[in-house]
PDB file of N, CA and C in Angstrom:
ATOM      1  N   MET A   1      17.893  25.586   8.777  1.00  0.00           N
ATOM      2  CA  MET A   1      16.485  25.632   9.210  1.00  0.00           C
ATOM      3  C   MET A   1      15.954  24.317   9.178  1.00  0.00           C
ATOM      4  N   THR A   2      15.599  23.090   9.761  1.00  0.00           N
ATOM      5  CA  THR A   2      15.149  21.776   9.683  1.00  0.00           C
ATOM      6  C   THR A   2      13.846  22.050   9.739  1.00  0.00           C
ATOM      7  N   THR A   3      12.761  21.488   8.683  1.00  0.00           N
ATOM      8  CA  THR A   3      12.212  21.056   8.867  1.00  0.00           C
ATOM      9  C   THR A   3      11.667  19.835  10.194  1.00  0.00           C
ATOM     10  N   PRO A   4      10.570  20.028  11.289  1.00  0.00           N
ATOM     11  CA  PRO A   4       9.803  19.338  11.637  1.00  0.00           C
ATOM     12  C   PRO A   4       9.639  18.174  11.838  1.00  0.00           C
ATOM     13  N   THR A   5       9.722  16.515  12.165  1.00  0.00           N
ATOM     14  CA  THR A   5       9.196  15.993  11.604  1.00  0.00           C
ATOM     15  C   THR A   5       7.942  15.437  12.529  1.00  0.00           C
ATOM     16  N   LEU A   6       7.363  15.032  11.768  1.00  0.00           N
ATOM     17  CA  LEU A   6       5.753  14.878  12.894  1.00  0.00           C
ATOM     18  C   LEU A   6       5.295  13.152  12.278  1.00  0.00           C
ATOM     19  N   THR A   7       4.859  13.154  13.324  1.00  0.00           N
ATOM     20  CA  THR A   7       4.618  11.870  13.256  1.00  0.00           C
ATOM     21  C   THR A   7       2.762  11.768  13.761  1.00  0.00           C
ATOM     22  N   LEU A   8       2.016  10.589  12.788  1.00  0.00           N
ATOM     23  CA  LEU A   8       0.981  11.018  13.123  1.00  0.00           C
ATOM     24  C   LEU A   8       0.312   9.122  13.334  1.00  0.00           C
ATOM     25  N   ASP A   9      -0.346   8.859  14.540  1.00  0.00           N
ATOM     26  CA  ASP A   9      -1.082   7.070  14.131  1.00  0.00           C
ATOM     27  C   ASP A   9      -1.659   6.645  13.097  1.00  0.00           C
ATOM     28  N   PRO A  10      -0.911   5.730  12.380  1.00  0.00           N
ATOM     29  CA  PRO A  10      -1.744   5.476  11.132  1.00  0.00           C
ATOM     30  C   PRO A  10      -3.768   5.767  11.923  1.00  0.00           C
ATOM     31  N   ALA A  11      -3.957   4.857  13.129  1.00  0.00           N
ATOM     32  CA  ALA A  11      -5.228   5.528  13.001  1.00  0.00           C
ATOM     33  C   ALA A  11      -5.989   6.300  13.241  1.00  0.00           C
ATOM     34  N   ASP A  12      -5.494   7.535  13.378  1.00  0.00           N
ATOM     35  CA  ASP A  12      -5.570   9.073  13.399  1.00  0.00           C
ATOM     36  C   ASP A  12      -5.362   9.377  12.170  1.00  0.00           C
ATOM     37  N   ALA A  13      -4.492   9.089  11.168  1.00  0.00           N
ATOM     38  CA  ALA A  13      -4.687   9.050   9.827  1.00  0.00           C
ATOM     39  C   ALA A  13      -5.963   8.628   9.153  1.00  0.00           C
ATOM     40  N   VAL A  14      -5.916   7.403   9.658  1.00  0.00           N
ATOM     41  CA  VAL A  14      -7.444   7.326   8.878  1.00  0.00           C
ATOM     42  C   VAL A  14      -9.010   7.415   9.032  1.00  0.00           C
ATOM     43  N   GLU A  15      -9.172   8.231  10.056  1.00  0.00           N
ATOM     44  CA  GLU A  15     -10.182   8.821  10.931  1.00  0.00           C
ATOM     45  C   GLU A  15      -9.914  10.573  10.024  1.00  0.00           C
ATOM     46  N   LEU A  16      -8.810  10.953  10.239  1.00  0.00           N
ATOM     47  CA  LEU A  16      -8.883  12.273   9.234  1.00  0.00           C
ATOM     48  C   LEU A  16      -9.647  12.491   8.311  1.00  0.00           C
ATOM     49  N   ALA A  17      -8.705  11.187   7.380  1.00  0.00           N
ATOM     50  CA  ALA A  17      -8.978  10.983   5.738  1.00  0.00           C
ATOM     51  C   ALA A  17     -10.401  11.088   5.522  1.00  0.00           C
ATOM     52  N   GLU A  18     -11.445   9.789   6.574  1.00  0.00           N
ATOM     53  CA  GLU A  18     -12.203   9.890   6.649  1.00  0.00           C
ATOM     54  C   GLU A  18     -12.882  10.635   7.016  1.00  0.00           C
ATOM     55  N   LEU A  19     -12.758  11.975   7.869  1.00  0.00           N
ATOM     56  CA  LEU A  19     -13.741  13.182   8.000  1.00  0.00           C
ATOM     57  C   LEU A  19     -13.278  14.041   6.360  1.00  0.00           C
ATOM     58  N   LEU A  20     -12.181  14.151   5.840  1.00  0.00           N
ATOM     59  CA  LEU A  20     -12.122  15.024   5.011  1.00  0.00           C
ATOM     60  C   LEU A  20     -13.260  14.479   3.560  1.00  0.00           C
ATOM     61  N   ALA A  21     -13.250  13.405   3.878  1.00  0.00           N
ATOM     62  CA  ALA A  21     -14.406  12.434   2.273  1.00  0.00           C
ATOM     63  C   ALA A  21     -15.260  12.810   3.141  1.00  0.00           C
ATOM     64  N   PHE A  22     -15.688  12.609   4.523  1.00  0.00           N
ATOM     65  CA  PHE A  22     -17.425  13.694   4.759  1.00  0.00           C
ATOM     66  C   PHE A  22     -17.885  14.985   3.883  1.00  0.00           C
ATOM     67  N   LEU A  23     -16.078  15.356   4.371  1.00  0.00           N
ATOM     68  CA  LEU A  23     -16.956  16.642   4.059  1.00  0.00           C
ATOM     69  C   LEU A  23     -16.837  16.959   2.646  1.00  0.00           C
ATOM     70  N   GLY A  24     -15.869  16.203   1.701  1.00  0.00           N
ATOM     71  CA  GLY A  24     -16.037  16.510   0.378  1.00  0.00           C
ATOM     72  C   GLY A  24     -17.460  16.276  -0.576  1.00  0.00           C
ATOM     73  N   ASP A  25     -17.575  14.798   0.365  1.00  0.00           N
ATOM     74  CA  ASP A  25     -19.474  14.611   0.188  1.00  0.00           C
ATOM     75  C   ASP A  25     -20.320  15.208   0.223  1.00  0.00           C
ATOM     76  N   TRP A  26     -20.407  15.722   1.540  1.00  0.00           N
ATOM     77  CA  TRP A  26     -21.117  17.279   1.888  1.00  0.00           C
ATOM     78  C   TRP A  26     -21.201  18.006   1.048  1.00  0.00           C
ATOM     79  N   PHE A  27     -19.906  18.529   0.384  1.00  0.00           N
ATOM     80  CA  PHE A  27     -19.628  19.834  -0.567  1.00  0.00           C
ATOM     81  C   PHE A  27     -20.749  19.374  -1.385  1.00  0.00           C
ATOM     82  N   ASP A  28     -20.559  18.135  -2.131  1.00  0.00           N
ATOM     83  CA  ASP A  28     -21.237  17.459  -3.862  1.00  0.00           C
ATOM     84  C   ASP A  28     -22.482  17.482  -3.361  1.00  0.00           C
ATOM     85  N   ASP A  29     -23.241  17.247  -2.477  1.00  0.00           N
ATOM     86  CA  ASP A  29     -24.230  17.046  -2.000  1.00  0.00           C
ATOM     87  C   ASP A  29     -25.125  18.233  -2.190  1.00  0.00           C
ATOM     88  N   ALA A  30     -24.472  19.660  -1.975  1.00  0.00           N
ATOM     89  CA  ALA A  30     -24.988  20.953  -1.822  1.00  0.00           C
ATOM     90  C   ALA A  30     -24.469  22.223  -1.846  1.00  0.00           C
ATOM     91  N   PRO A  31     -23.608  22.034  -3.495  1.00  0.00           N
ATOM     92  CA  PRO A  31     -22.469  22.936  -3.541  1.00  0.00           C
ATOM     93  C   PRO A  31     -23.307  24.334  -2.984  1.00  0.00           C
ATOM     94  N   ASP A  32     -24.424  24.474  -3.959  1.00  0.00           N
ATOM     95  CA  ASP A  32     -24.907  26.061  -3.648  1.00  0.00           C
ATOM     96  C   ASP A  32     -25.169  26.571  -2.430  1.00  0.00           C
ATOM     97  N   VAL A  33     -25.637  25.389  -1.233  1.00  0.00           N
ATOM     98  CA  VAL A  33     -25.856  25.618  -0.224  1.00  0.00           C
ATOM     99  C   VAL A  33     -24.407  26.130   0.790  1.00  0.00           C
ATOM    100  N   VAL A  34     -23.582  25.014   0.505  1.00  0.00           N
ATOM    101  CA  VAL A  34     -22.118  24.950   0.784  1.00  0.00           C
ATOM    102  C   VAL A  34     -21.385  26.266   0.416  1.00  0.00           C
ATOM    103  N   GLY A  35     -21.367  26.791  -0.627  1.00  0.00           N
ATOM    104  CA  GLY A  35     -20.697  27.413  -1.145  1.00  0.00           C
ATOM    105  C   GLY A  35     -20.901  29.041  -0.900  1.00  0.00           C
ATOM    106  N   GLY A  36     -22.070  29.320  -0.627  1.00  0.00           N
ATOM    107  CA  GLY A  36     -22.893  30.410   0.178  1.00  0.00           C
ATOM    108  C   GLY A  36     -22.647  30.717   0.991  1.00  0.00           C
ATOM    109  N   TRP A  37     -22.483  29.808   1.364  1.00  0.00           N
ATOM    110  CA  TRP A  37     -21.826  29.566   3.474  1.00  0.00           C
ATOM    111  C   TRP A  37     -20.548  29.999   3.461  1.00  0.00           C
ATOM    112  N   LEU A  38     -19.960  29.418   2.670  1.00  0.00           N
ATOM    113  CA  LEU A  38     -18.527  29.603   2.622  1.00  0.00           C
ATOM    114  C   LEU A  38     -17.607  30.845   1.924  1.00  0.00           C
ATOM    115  N   ALA A  39     -18.691  31.446   1.510  1.00  0.00           N
ATOM    116  CA  ALA A  39     -18.594  32.988   0.678  1.00  0.00           C
ATOM    117  C   ALA A  39     -18.778  33.639   1.835  1.00  0.00           C
ATOM    118  N   ARG A  40     -19.770  33.867   2.708  1.00  0.00           N
ATOM    119  CA  ARG A  40     -20.343  34.670   3.768  1.00  0.00           C
ATOM    120  C   ARG A  40     -19.192  34.329   5.079  1.00  0.00           C
ATOM    121  N   PHE A  41     -19.026  33.039   5.348  1.00  0.00           N
ATOM    122  CA  PHE A  41     -17.655  32.468   6.629  1.00  0.00           C
ATOM    123  C   PHE A  41     -16.390  33.146   5.974  1.00  0.00           C
ATOM    124  N   ALA A  42     -15.567  33.050   4.543  1.00  0.00           N
ATOM    125  CA  ALA A  42     -14.409  33.632   4.320  1.00  0.00           C
ATOM    126  C   ALA A  42     -14.341  34.365   3.255  1.00  0.00           C
ATOM    127  N   CYS A  43     -14.952  35.755   3.947  1.00  0.00           N
ATOM    128  CA  CYS A  43     -15.097  37.133   3.589  1.00  0.00           C
ATOM    129  C   CYS A  43     -13.557  37.088   2.475  1.00  0.00           C
ATOM    130  N   TYR A  44     -12.996  36.549   2.683  1.00  0.00           N
ATOM    131  CA  TYR A  44     -11.412  36.919   1.499  1.00  0.00           C
ATOM    132  C   TYR A  44     -11.508  35.879   0.163  1.00  0.00           C
ATOM    133  N   GLY A  45     -12.659  35.649  -0.201  1.00  0.00           N
ATOM    134  CA  GLY A  45     -12.799  35.050  -1.707  1.00  0.00           C
ATOM    135  C   GLY A  45     -12.323  33.796  -1.714  1.00  0.00           C
ATOM    136  N   TYR A  46     -12.116  33.088  -0.561  1.00  0.00           N
ATOM    137  CA  TYR A  46     -11.506  32.079  -0.343  1.00  0.00           C
ATOM    138  C   TYR A  46     -13.383  30.630  -0.898  1.00  0.00           C
ATOM    139  N   THR A  47     -12.668  30.562  -1.889  1.00  0.00           N
ATOM    140  CA  THR A  47     -13.899  29.515  -2.918  1.00  0.00           C
ATOM    141  C   THR A  47     -14.155  27.820  -2.568  1.00  0.00           C
ATOM    142  N   LEU A  48     -15.263  27.380  -2.730  1.00  0.00           N
ATOM    143  CA  LEU A  48     -15.434  26.008  -2.468  1.00  0.00           C
ATOM    144  C   LEU A  48     -14.748  25.363  -3.226  1.00  0.00           C
ATOM    145  N   ASP A  49     -14.298  25.697  -4.935  1.00  0.00           N
ATOM    146  CA  ASP A  49     -13.513  24.569  -5.235  1.00  0.00           C
ATOM    147  C   ASP A  49     -12.040  24.807  -4.473  1.00  0.00           C
ATOM    148  N   GLU A  50     -11.980  25.990  -4.510  1.00  0.00           N
ATOM    149  CA  GLU A  50     -10.657  26.063  -3.285  1.00  0.00           C
ATOM    150  C   GLU A  50     -10.313  24.911  -2.442  1.00  0.00           C
ATOM    151  N   LEU A  51     -11.682  25.219  -1.583  1.00  0.00           N
ATOM    152  CA  LEU A  51     -11.574  23.652  -0.683  1.00  0.00           C
ATOM    153  C   LEU A  51     -11.606  22.309  -0.685  1.00  0.00           C
ATOM    154  N   ARG A  52     -12.362  22.445  -1.816  1.00  0.00           N
ATOM    155  CA  ARG A  52     -12.556  20.723  -2.472  1.00  0.00           C
ATOM    156  C   ARG A  52     -11.088  21.088  -2.652  1.00  0.00           C
ATOM    157  N   ALA A  53     -10.377  21.012  -3.307  1.00  0.00           N
ATOM    158  CA  ALA A  53      -8.554  21.041  -4.069  1.00  0.00           C
ATOM    159  C   ALA A  53      -7.896  20.533  -2.337  1.00  0.00           C
ATOM    160  N   ASP A  54      -8.010  22.003  -1.637  1.00  0.00           N
ATOM    161  CA  ASP A  54      -7.139  21.559  -0.140  1.00  0.00           C
ATOM    162  C   ASP A  54      -7.446  20.008   0.724  1.00  0.00           C
ATOM    163  N   LEU A  55      -9.252  20.031   1.154  1.00  0.00           N
ATOM    164  CA  LEU A  55      -9.454  18.737   1.315  1.00  0.00           C
ATOM    165  C   LEU A  55      -8.569  17.445   0.500  1.00  0.00           C
ATOM    166  N   ASP A  56      -9.230  17.731  -1.168  1.00  0.00           N
ATOM    167  CA  ASP A  56      -8.057  16.484  -1.785  1.00  0.00           C
ATOM    168  C   ASP A  56      -7.081  16.603  -1.288  1.00  0.00           C
ATOM    169  N   ARG A  57      -6.272  17.275  -1.494  1.00  0.00           N
ATOM    170  CA  ARG A  57      -4.386  17.380  -1.642  1.00  0.00           C
ATOM    171  C   ARG A  57      -4.067  16.470   0.197  1.00  0.00           C
ATOM    172  N   PHE A  58      -5.028  17.273   1.027  1.00  0.00           N
ATOM    173  CA  PHE A  58      -5.049  16.949   2.464  1.00  0.00           C
ATOM    174  C   PHE A  58      -5.003  15.208   2.812  1.00  0.00           C
ATOM    175  N   GLY A  59      -6.291  14.764   2.049  1.00  0.00           N
ATOM    176  CA  GLY A  59      -6.641  13.696   2.231  1.00  0.00           C
ATOM    177  C   GLY A  59      -5.563  12.408   1.557  1.00  0.00           C
ATOM    178  N   PHE A  60      -4.713  13.145   0.426  1.00  0.00           N
ATOM    179  CA  PHE A  60      -4.114  12.690  -0.193  1.00  0.00           C
ATOM    180  C   PHE A  60      -2.980  13.037   0.013  1.00  0.00           C
ATOM    181  N   LEU A  61      -2.395  13.333   0.921  1.00  0.00           N
ATOM    182  CA  LEU A  61      -1.123  13.616   1.653  1.00  0.00           C
ATOM    183  C   LEU A  61      -1.607  12.305   2.980  1.00  0.00           C
ATOM    184  N   LEU A  62      -2.540  12.255   3.782  1.00  0.00           N
ATOM    185  CA  LEU A  62      -2.825  11.066   4.651  1.00  0.00           C
ATOM    186  C   LEU A  62      -2.750   9.761   3.865  1.00  0.00           C
ATOM    187  N   GLY A  63      -2.768   9.677   3.034  1.00  0.00           N
ATOM    188  CA  GLY A  63      -2.216   8.224   2.417  1.00  0.00           C
ATOM    189  C   GLY A  63      -3.713   7.792   2.186  1.00  0.00           C
ATOM    190  N   SER A  64      -5.141   8.178   1.221  1.00  0.00           N
ATOM    191  CA  SER A  64      -6.236   8.034   0.467  1.00  0.00           C
ATOM    192  C   SER A  64      -5.559   7.289  -0.406  1.00  0.00           C
ATOM    193  N   GLY A  65      -4.841   7.071  -1.220  1.00  0.00           N
ATOM    194  CA  GLY A  65      -4.147   6.601  -2.389  1.00  0.00           C
ATOM    195  C   GLY A  65      -5.096   7.514  -3.663  1.00  0.00           C
ATOM    196  N   GLY A  66      -4.976   9.024  -3.279  1.00  0.00           N
ATOM    197  CA  GLY A  66      -5.409   9.632  -4.520  1.00  0.00           C
ATOM    198  C   GLY A  66      -6.709   9.692  -5.077  1.00  0.00           C
ATOM    199  N   GLN A  67      -7.532   9.193  -4.413  1.00  0.00           N
ATOM    200  CA  GLN A  67      -8.895   8.630  -4.862  1.00  0.00           C
ATOM    201  C   GLN A  67      -9.728   9.945  -5.141  1.00  0.00           C
ATOM    202  N   ARG A  68      -9.351  10.510  -3.690  1.00  0.00           N
ATOM    203  CA  ARG A  68      -9.854  12.457  -3.827  1.00  0.00           C
ATOM    204  C   ARG A  68      -9.295  13.580  -4.633  1.00  0.00           C
ATOM    205  N   LEU A  69      -8.135  13.147  -4.866  1.00  0.00           N
ATOM    206  CA  LEU A  69      -6.910  13.888  -5.288  1.00  0.00           C
ATOM    207  C   LEU A  69      -7.877  14.987  -7.043  1.00  0.00           C
ATOM    208  N   LEU A  70      -7.342  16.303  -6.940  1.00  0.00           N
ATOM    209  CA  LEU A  70      -7.635  16.475  -8.229  1.00  0.00           C
ATOM    210  C   LEU A  70      -9.554  16.463  -8.791  1.00  0.00           C
ATOM    211  N   GLY A  71     -10.572  16.510  -7.217  1.00  0.00           N
ATOM    212  CA  GLY A  71     -11.874  16.273  -7.596  1.00  0.00           C
ATOM    213  C   GLY A  71     -12.527  14.987  -7.997  1.00  0.00           C
ATOM    214  N   GLU A  72     -11.155  13.813  -8.049  1.00  0.00           N
ATOM    215  CA  GLU A  72     -11.610  12.375  -8.958  1.00  0.00           C
ATOM    216  C   GLU A  72     -12.272  11.627  -7.655  1.00  0.00           C
ATOM    217  N   ARG A  73     -13.336  11.466  -7.746  1.00  0.00           N
ATOM    218  CA  ARG A  73     -14.313  10.937  -6.924  1.00  0.00           C
ATOM    219  C   ARG A  73     -14.328   9.063  -7.527  1.00  0.00           C
ATOM    220  N   ALA A  74     -14.939   8.215  -6.386  1.00  0.00           N
ATOM    221  CA  ALA A  74     -14.484   6.926  -6.710  1.00  0.00           C
ATOM    222  C   ALA A  74     -16.049   6.218  -7.509  1.00  0.00           C
ATOM    223  N   ASP A  75     -16.926   7.495  -7.105  1.00  0.00           N
ATOM    224  CA  ASP A  75     -18.423   7.234  -7.783  1.00  0.00           C
ATOM    225  C   ASP A  75     -18.618   7.699  -8.949  1.00  0.00           C
ATOM    226  N   GLN A  76     -17.601   8.963  -9.303  1.00  0.00           N
ATOM    227  CA  GLN A  76     -17.544   9.409 -10.656  1.00  0.00           C
ATOM    228  C   GLN A  76     -16.843   8.971 -11.590  1.00  0.00           C
ATOM    229  N   SER A  77     -15.831   8.099 -11.328  1.00  0.00           N
ATOM    230  CA  SER A  77     -15.295   7.251 -11.972  1.00  0.00           C
ATOM    231  C   SER A  77     -15.859   5.696 -12.537  1.00  0.00           C
ATOM    232  N   ALA A  78     -16.555   5.572 -11.775  1.00  0.00           N
ATOM    233  CA  ALA A  78     -16.976   4.362 -12.619  1.00  0.00           C
ATOM    234  C   ALA A  78     -18.385   4.904 -13.218  1.00  0.00           C
ATOM    235  N   ASP A  79     -18.817   5.946 -13.750  1.00  0.00           N
ATOM    236  CA  ASP A  79     -19.781   6.626 -14.355  1.00  0.00           C
ATOM    237  C   ASP A  79     -19.335   6.808 -16.009  1.00  0.00           C
ATOM    238  N   ARG A  80     -17.995   7.065 -15.656  1.00  0.00           N
ATOM    239  CA  ARG A  80     -17.139   7.191 -16.923  1.00  0.00           C
ATOM    240  C   ARG A  80     -17.200   5.846 -18.538  1.00  0.00           C
TER     241      ARG A  80
END
């Protein structure tokens, strides 16, 4: 069995990466609120940390340069 090839227009990839970054920033701004909503919505125990990791991985795969990989935010790295 071969793996299907998917081609994504670069402009679409940029838009998806921006959406993932927007969601990550929203999660960072209100983690308790968003985490509570997620706990009610995802009854099987999917946590905010897991969702953030998935968003970061997807953003990285879209070509974000890995800035959001493993929770590394550009604004946080400047503070170190």
